[in-house]
């Protein structure tokens, strides 16, 4: 099994289709192909031969943190095919995503998860930030208990207001 990080345009069409099918199976109520607009800067795919067995969407976002502009990475659409779960595949996807973000000079990765246990081992900690975002066309502002952050460099995360400047992924 190998993990690849690339632009969406450079992913082979059949691999794109397999990734979308994985997303649709995991999130049957999602709209479209499962990608936020603008789309991810890079899909991270785990491949077994010519088959996509896991997927992660990597986004970059300009936000306001503690009243100052910051560029962060957002992780979304983490899906691992049922027959390869519990083999460290998601961890490998996250490691590759973090390496890509570091290469791009980004200090923090944020994700929103129902179960924190899956991400703590990858360096994520629950966010205590009051978070501003848009949902269904309406501005929302509250501490979302599913938010998690990983510091990718020397800088420490602050607990002040995080304004996502748009929708979540």
C-alpha atoms as a PDB file:
ATOM      1  CA  UNK A   1       0.000   0.000   0.000  1.00  0.00           C
ATOM      2  CA  UNK A   2       1.253   3.475  -0.788  1.00  0.00           C
ATOM      3  CA  UNK A   3      -0.026   6.966  -0.006  1.00  0.00           C
ATOM      4  CA  UNK A   4      -0.065   9.717  -2.600  1.00  0.00           C
ATOM      5  CA  UNK A   5      -0.607  13.451  -2.218  1.00  0.00           C
ATOM      6  CA  UNK A   6      -1.298  15.298  -5.440  1.00  0.00           C
ATOM      7  CA  UNK A   7      -3.443  17.934  -7.038  1.00  0.00           C
ATOM      8  CA  UNK A   8      -6.987  16.853  -7.831  1.00  0.00           C
ATOM      9  CA  UNK A   9      -6.323  17.448 -11.535  1.00  0.00           C
ATOM     10  CA  UNK A  10      -3.436  14.977 -11.579  1.00  0.00           C
ATOM     11  CA  UNK A  11      -5.439  12.106 -10.037  1.00  0.00           C
ATOM     12  CA  UNK A  12      -6.414   9.514 -12.641  1.00  0.00           C
ATOM     13  CA  UNK A  13     -10.147   9.702 -13.501  1.00  0.00           C
ATOM     14  CA  UNK A  14     -10.848   6.148 -12.277  1.00  0.00           C
ATOM     15  CA  UNK A  15      -9.110   6.923  -8.965  1.00  0.00           C
ATOM     16  CA  UNK A  16     -11.175  10.111  -8.630  1.00  0.00           C
ATOM     17  CA  UNK A  17     -14.328   8.061  -9.148  1.00  0.00           C
ATOM     18  CA  UNK A  18     -13.246   5.483  -6.564  1.00  0.00           C
ATOM     19  CA  UNK A  19     -12.534   8.272  -4.042  1.00  0.00           C
ATOM     20  CA  UNK A  20     -15.967   9.816  -4.613  1.00  0.00           C
ATOM     21  CA  UNK A  21     -17.614   6.387  -4.225  1.00  0.00           C
ATOM     22  CA  UNK A  22     -15.816   5.901  -0.885  1.00  0.00           C
ATOM     23  CA  UNK A  23     -17.068   9.308   0.272  1.00  0.00           C
ATOM     24  CA  UNK A  24     -20.642   8.562  -0.820  1.00  0.00           C
ATOM     25  CA  UNK A  25     -20.632   5.225   1.016  1.00  0.00           C
ATOM     26  CA  UNK A  26     -19.318   6.807   4.218  1.00  0.00           C
ATOM     27  CA  UNK A  27     -21.493   9.922   4.047  1.00  0.00           C
ATOM     28  CA  UNK A  28     -24.715   8.936   2.223  1.00  0.00           C
ATOM     29  CA  UNK A  29     -26.456  12.238   3.034  1.00  0.00           C
ATOM     30  CA  UNK A  30     -23.772  14.416   1.475  1.00  0.00           C
ATOM     31  CA  UNK A  31     -24.494  16.534  -1.564  1.00  0.00           C
ATOM     32  CA  UNK A  32     -22.607  16.413  -4.853  1.00  0.00           C
ATOM     33  CA  UNK A  33     -19.252  14.698  -4.884  1.00  0.00           C
ATOM     34  CA  UNK A  34     -18.464  15.509  -1.251  1.00  0.00           C
ATOM     35  CA  UNK A  35     -15.996  18.321  -1.788  1.00  0.00           C
ATOM     36  CA  UNK A  36     -16.307  21.834  -0.409  1.00  0.00           C
ATOM     37  CA  UNK A  37     -16.039  24.776  -2.784  1.00  0.00           C
ATOM     38  CA  UNK A  38     -13.350  25.776  -3.429  1.00  0.00           C
ATOM     39  CA  UNK A  39     -12.128  22.215  -3.683  1.00  0.00           C
ATOM     40  CA  UNK A  40      -9.273  20.638  -1.768  1.00  0.00           C
ATOM     41  CA  UNK A  41      -5.711  21.690  -2.504  1.00  0.00           C
ATOM     42  CA  UNK A  42      -4.831  18.016  -2.478  1.00  0.00           C
ATOM     43  CA  UNK A  43      -6.560  14.709  -2.063  1.00  0.00           C
ATOM     44  CA  UNK A  44      -4.497  12.246  -0.049  1.00  0.00           C
ATOM     45  CA  UNK A  45      -5.161   8.710  -1.259  1.00  0.00           C
ATOM     46  CA  UNK A  46      -4.055   5.324   0.042  1.00  0.00           C
ATOM     47  CA  UNK A  47      -3.689   2.917  -2.846  1.00  0.00           C
ATOM     48  CA  UNK A  48      -3.534  -0.866  -2.950  1.00  0.00           C
ATOM     49  CA  UNK A  49      -2.429  -1.600  -6.454  1.00  0.00           C
ATOM     50  CA  UNK A  50      -4.825   0.340  -8.677  1.00  0.00           C
ATOM     51  CA  UNK A  51      -7.536   0.655  -6.007  1.00  0.00           C
ATOM     52  CA  UNK A  52      -8.250   3.580  -3.678  1.00  0.00           C
ATOM     53  CA  UNK A  53      -8.687   2.147  -0.182  1.00  0.00           C
ATOM     54  CA  UNK A  54      -8.664   5.390   1.797  1.00  0.00           C
ATOM     55  CA  UNK A  55      -9.158   9.097   1.223  1.00  0.00           C
ATOM     56  CA  UNK A  56      -8.541  12.428   2.948  1.00  0.00           C
ATOM     57  CA  UNK A  57      -9.291  15.915   1.601  1.00  0.00           C
ATOM     58  CA  UNK A  58      -6.690  18.554   2.401  1.00  0.00           C
ATOM     59  CA  UNK A  59      -7.820  22.184   2.306  1.00  0.00           C
ATOM     60  CA  UNK A  60      -6.084  25.463   3.041  1.00  0.00           C
ATOM     61  CA  UNK A  61      -8.031  28.338   4.530  1.00  0.00           C
ATOM     62  CA  UNK A  62      -7.360  31.952   5.385  1.00  0.00           C
ATOM     63  CA  UNK A  63      -8.882  32.503   8.818  1.00  0.00           C
ATOM     64  CA  UNK A  64      -8.753  35.083  11.558  1.00  0.00           C
ATOM     65  CA  UNK A  65      -7.316  33.792  14.826  1.00  0.00           C
ATOM     66  CA  UNK A  66      -7.023  36.076  17.815  1.00  0.00           C
ATOM     67  CA  UNK A  67      -7.889  38.980  15.518  1.00  0.00           C
ATOM     68  CA  UNK A  68      -4.952  38.248  13.190  1.00  0.00           C
ATOM     69  CA  UNK A  69      -4.891  36.600   9.757  1.00  0.00           C
ATOM     70  CA  UNK A  70      -3.621  33.030   9.721  1.00  0.00           C
ATOM     71  CA  UNK A  71      -3.480  30.371   7.019  1.00  0.00           C
ATOM     72  CA  UNK A  72      -4.440  26.936   8.350  1.00  0.00           C
ATOM     73  CA  UNK A  73      -4.898  23.470   6.941  1.00  0.00           C
ATOM     74  CA  UNK A  74      -8.284  21.808   7.182  1.00  0.00           C
ATOM     75  CA  UNK A  75      -8.699  18.048   7.074  1.00  0.00           C
ATOM     76  CA  UNK A  76     -11.981  16.611   5.815  1.00  0.00           C
ATOM     77  CA  UNK A  77     -13.494  13.551   4.200  1.00  0.00           C
ATOM     78  CA  UNK A  78     -11.375  10.973   6.023  1.00  0.00           C
ATOM     79  CA  UNK A  79     -12.622   7.584   4.857  1.00  0.00           C
ATOM     80  CA  UNK A  80     -10.990   4.158   5.105  1.00  0.00           C
ATOM     81  CA  UNK A  81     -12.503   1.184   3.317  1.00  0.00           C
ATOM     82  CA  UNK A  82     -13.924  -1.293   5.866  1.00  0.00           C
ATOM     83  CA  UNK A  83     -11.619  -4.186   4.942  1.00  0.00           C
ATOM     84  CA  UNK A  84      -8.424  -2.183   5.637  1.00  0.00           C
ATOM     85  CA  UNK A  85      -9.426  -0.468   8.882  1.00  0.00           C
ATOM     86  CA  UNK A  86      -7.364  -0.883  12.056  1.00  0.00           C
ATOM     87  CA  UNK A  87      -4.144  -1.161  10.062  1.00  0.00           C
ATOM     88  CA  UNK A  88      -2.859   2.401  10.517  1.00  0.00           C
ATOM     89  CA  UNK A  89      -4.063   3.589   7.107  1.00  0.00           C
ATOM     90  CA  UNK A  90      -5.771   6.751   8.424  1.00  0.00           C
ATOM     91  CA  UNK A  91      -2.630   7.576  10.411  1.00  0.00           C
ATOM     92  CA  UNK A  92      -0.565   7.348   7.245  1.00  0.00           C
ATOM     93  CA  UNK A  93      -3.001   9.661   5.427  1.00  0.00           C
ATOM     94  CA  UNK A  94      -2.785  12.224   8.234  1.00  0.00           C
ATOM     95  CA  UNK A  95       1.019  12.011   8.366  1.00  0.00           C
ATOM     96  CA  UNK A  96       1.173  12.687   4.621  1.00  0.00           C
ATOM     97  CA  UNK A  97      -1.292  15.588   4.949  1.00  0.00           C
ATOM     98  CA  UNK A  98       0.745  17.110   7.779  1.00  0.00           C
ATOM     99  CA  UNK A  99       3.967  16.790   5.760  1.00  0.00           C
ATOM    100  CA  UNK A 100       2.296  18.570   2.838  1.00  0.00           C
ATOM    101  CA  UNK A 101       1.041  21.374   5.087  1.00  0.00           C
ATOM    102  CA  UNK A 102       4.488  21.840   6.651  1.00  0.00           C
ATOM    103  CA  UNK A 103       6.012  22.022   3.176  1.00  0.00           C
ATOM    104  CA  UNK A 104       3.501  24.789   2.386  1.00  0.00           C
ATOM    105  CA  UNK A 105       4.553  26.702   5.525  1.00  0.00           C
ATOM    106  CA  UNK A 106       1.312  26.088   7.424  1.00  0.00           C
ATOM    107  CA  UNK A 107       1.547  25.869  11.214  1.00  0.00           C
ATOM    108  CA  UNK A 108      -1.809  24.337  12.179  1.00  0.00           C
ATOM    109  CA  UNK A 109      -4.186  21.639  10.974  1.00  0.00           C
ATOM    110  CA  UNK A 110      -7.831  21.731  12.052  1.00  0.00           C
ATOM    111  CA  UNK A 111     -10.498  19.072  11.704  1.00  0.00           C
ATOM    112  CA  UNK A 112     -14.012  18.465  12.963  1.00  0.00           C
ATOM    113  CA  UNK A 113     -14.711  14.962  14.281  1.00  0.00           C
ATOM    114  CA  UNK A 114     -17.462  13.159  16.119  1.00  0.00           C
ATOM    115  CA  UNK A 115     -14.987  10.895  17.906  1.00  0.00           C
ATOM    116  CA  UNK A 116     -11.756  12.476  19.154  1.00  0.00           C
ATOM    117  CA  UNK A 117     -10.091   9.144  19.942  1.00  0.00           C
ATOM    118  CA  UNK A 118      -9.246   8.543  16.287  1.00  0.00           C
ATOM    119  CA  UNK A 119      -7.155  11.719  16.019  1.00  0.00           C
ATOM    120  CA  UNK A 120      -5.453  12.155  19.400  1.00  0.00           C
ATOM    121  CA  UNK A 121      -2.631   9.776  18.433  1.00  0.00           C
ATOM    122  CA  UNK A 122      -1.928  11.993  15.385  1.00  0.00           C
ATOM    123  CA  UNK A 123      -1.273  15.000  17.631  1.00  0.00           C
ATOM    124  CA  UNK A 124      -4.761  16.517  17.657  1.00  0.00           C
ATOM    125  CA  UNK A 125      -6.226  18.081  20.770  1.00  0.00           C
ATOM    126  CA  UNK A 126      -9.755  19.382  21.319  1.00  0.00           C
ATOM    127  CA  UNK A 127     -10.188  23.050  20.433  1.00  0.00           C
ATOM    128  CA  UNK A 128     -11.665  25.336  23.043  1.00  0.00           C
ATOM    129  CA  UNK A 129     -12.090  28.192  20.586  1.00  0.00           C
ATOM    130  CA  UNK A 130     -15.331  29.954  19.993  1.00  0.00           C
ATOM    131  CA  UNK A 131     -15.630  29.338  16.255  1.00  0.00           C
ATOM    132  CA  UNK A 132     -17.387  31.525  13.686  1.00  0.00           C
ATOM    133  CA  UNK A 133     -18.512  29.964  10.417  1.00  0.00           C
ATOM    134  CA  UNK A 134     -21.306  29.889   7.852  1.00  0.00           C
ATOM    135  CA  UNK A 135     -23.768  26.994   7.804  1.00  0.00           C
ATOM    136  CA  UNK A 136     -26.696  26.790   5.393  1.00  0.00           C
ATOM    137  CA  UNK A 137     -26.183  30.473   4.590  1.00  0.00           C
ATOM    138  CA  UNK A 138     -26.380  31.565   8.241  1.00  0.00           C
ATOM    139  CA  UNK A 139     -23.598  32.861  10.469  1.00  0.00           C
ATOM    140  CA  UNK A 140     -22.929  30.616  13.477  1.00  0.00           C
ATOM    141  CA  UNK A 141     -20.729  31.269  16.499  1.00  0.00           C
ATOM    142  CA  UNK A 142     -20.123  28.785  19.283  1.00  0.00           C
ATOM    143  CA  UNK A 143     -17.590  26.393  20.785  1.00  0.00           C
ATOM    144  CA  UNK A 144     -17.943  23.315  18.618  1.00  0.00           C
ATOM    145  CA  UNK A 145     -16.997  20.309  20.732  1.00  0.00           C
ATOM    146  CA  UNK A 146     -15.898  18.325  17.668  1.00  0.00           C
ATOM    147  CA  UNK A 147     -13.160  20.764  16.679  1.00  0.00           C
ATOM    148  CA  UNK A 148      -9.581  19.558  16.993  1.00  0.00           C
ATOM    149  CA  UNK A 149      -6.226  21.144  16.199  1.00  0.00           C
ATOM    150  CA  UNK A 150      -2.678  19.891  15.650  1.00  0.00           C
ATOM    151  CA  UNK A 151       0.294  22.247  15.860  1.00  0.00           C
ATOM    152  CA  UNK A 152       2.658  21.420  12.998  1.00  0.00           C
ATOM    153  CA  UNK A 153       5.530  23.669  14.034  1.00  0.00           C
ATOM    154  CA  UNK A 154       6.901  25.577  16.991  1.00  0.00           C
ATOM    155  CA  UNK A 155       3.979  27.980  17.391  1.00  0.00           C
ATOM    156  CA  UNK A 156       1.303  27.249  19.957  1.00  0.00           C
ATOM    157  CA  UNK A 157      -2.405  27.361  19.246  1.00  0.00           C
ATOM    158  CA  UNK A 158      -4.426  30.061  20.976  1.00  0.00           C
ATOM    159  CA  UNK A 159      -7.850  29.586  22.533  1.00  0.00           C
ATOM    160  CA  UNK A 160      -9.228  32.894  21.269  1.00  0.00           C
ATOM    161  CA  UNK A 161     -11.960  33.294  18.639  1.00  0.00           C
ATOM    162  CA  UNK A 162     -11.412  31.385  15.384  1.00  0.00           C
ATOM    163  CA  UNK A 163     -13.232  32.882  12.413  1.00  0.00           C
ATOM    164  CA  UNK A 164     -13.264  30.389   9.535  1.00  0.00           C
ATOM    165  CA  UNK A 165     -14.308  33.131   7.116  1.00  0.00           C
ATOM    166  CA  UNK A 166     -16.844  30.797   5.496  1.00  0.00           C
ATOM    167  CA  UNK A 167     -18.177  27.265   5.706  1.00  0.00           C
ATOM    168  CA  UNK A 168     -16.527  24.308   7.386  1.00  0.00           C
ATOM    169  CA  UNK A 169     -15.396  21.356   5.271  1.00  0.00           C
END
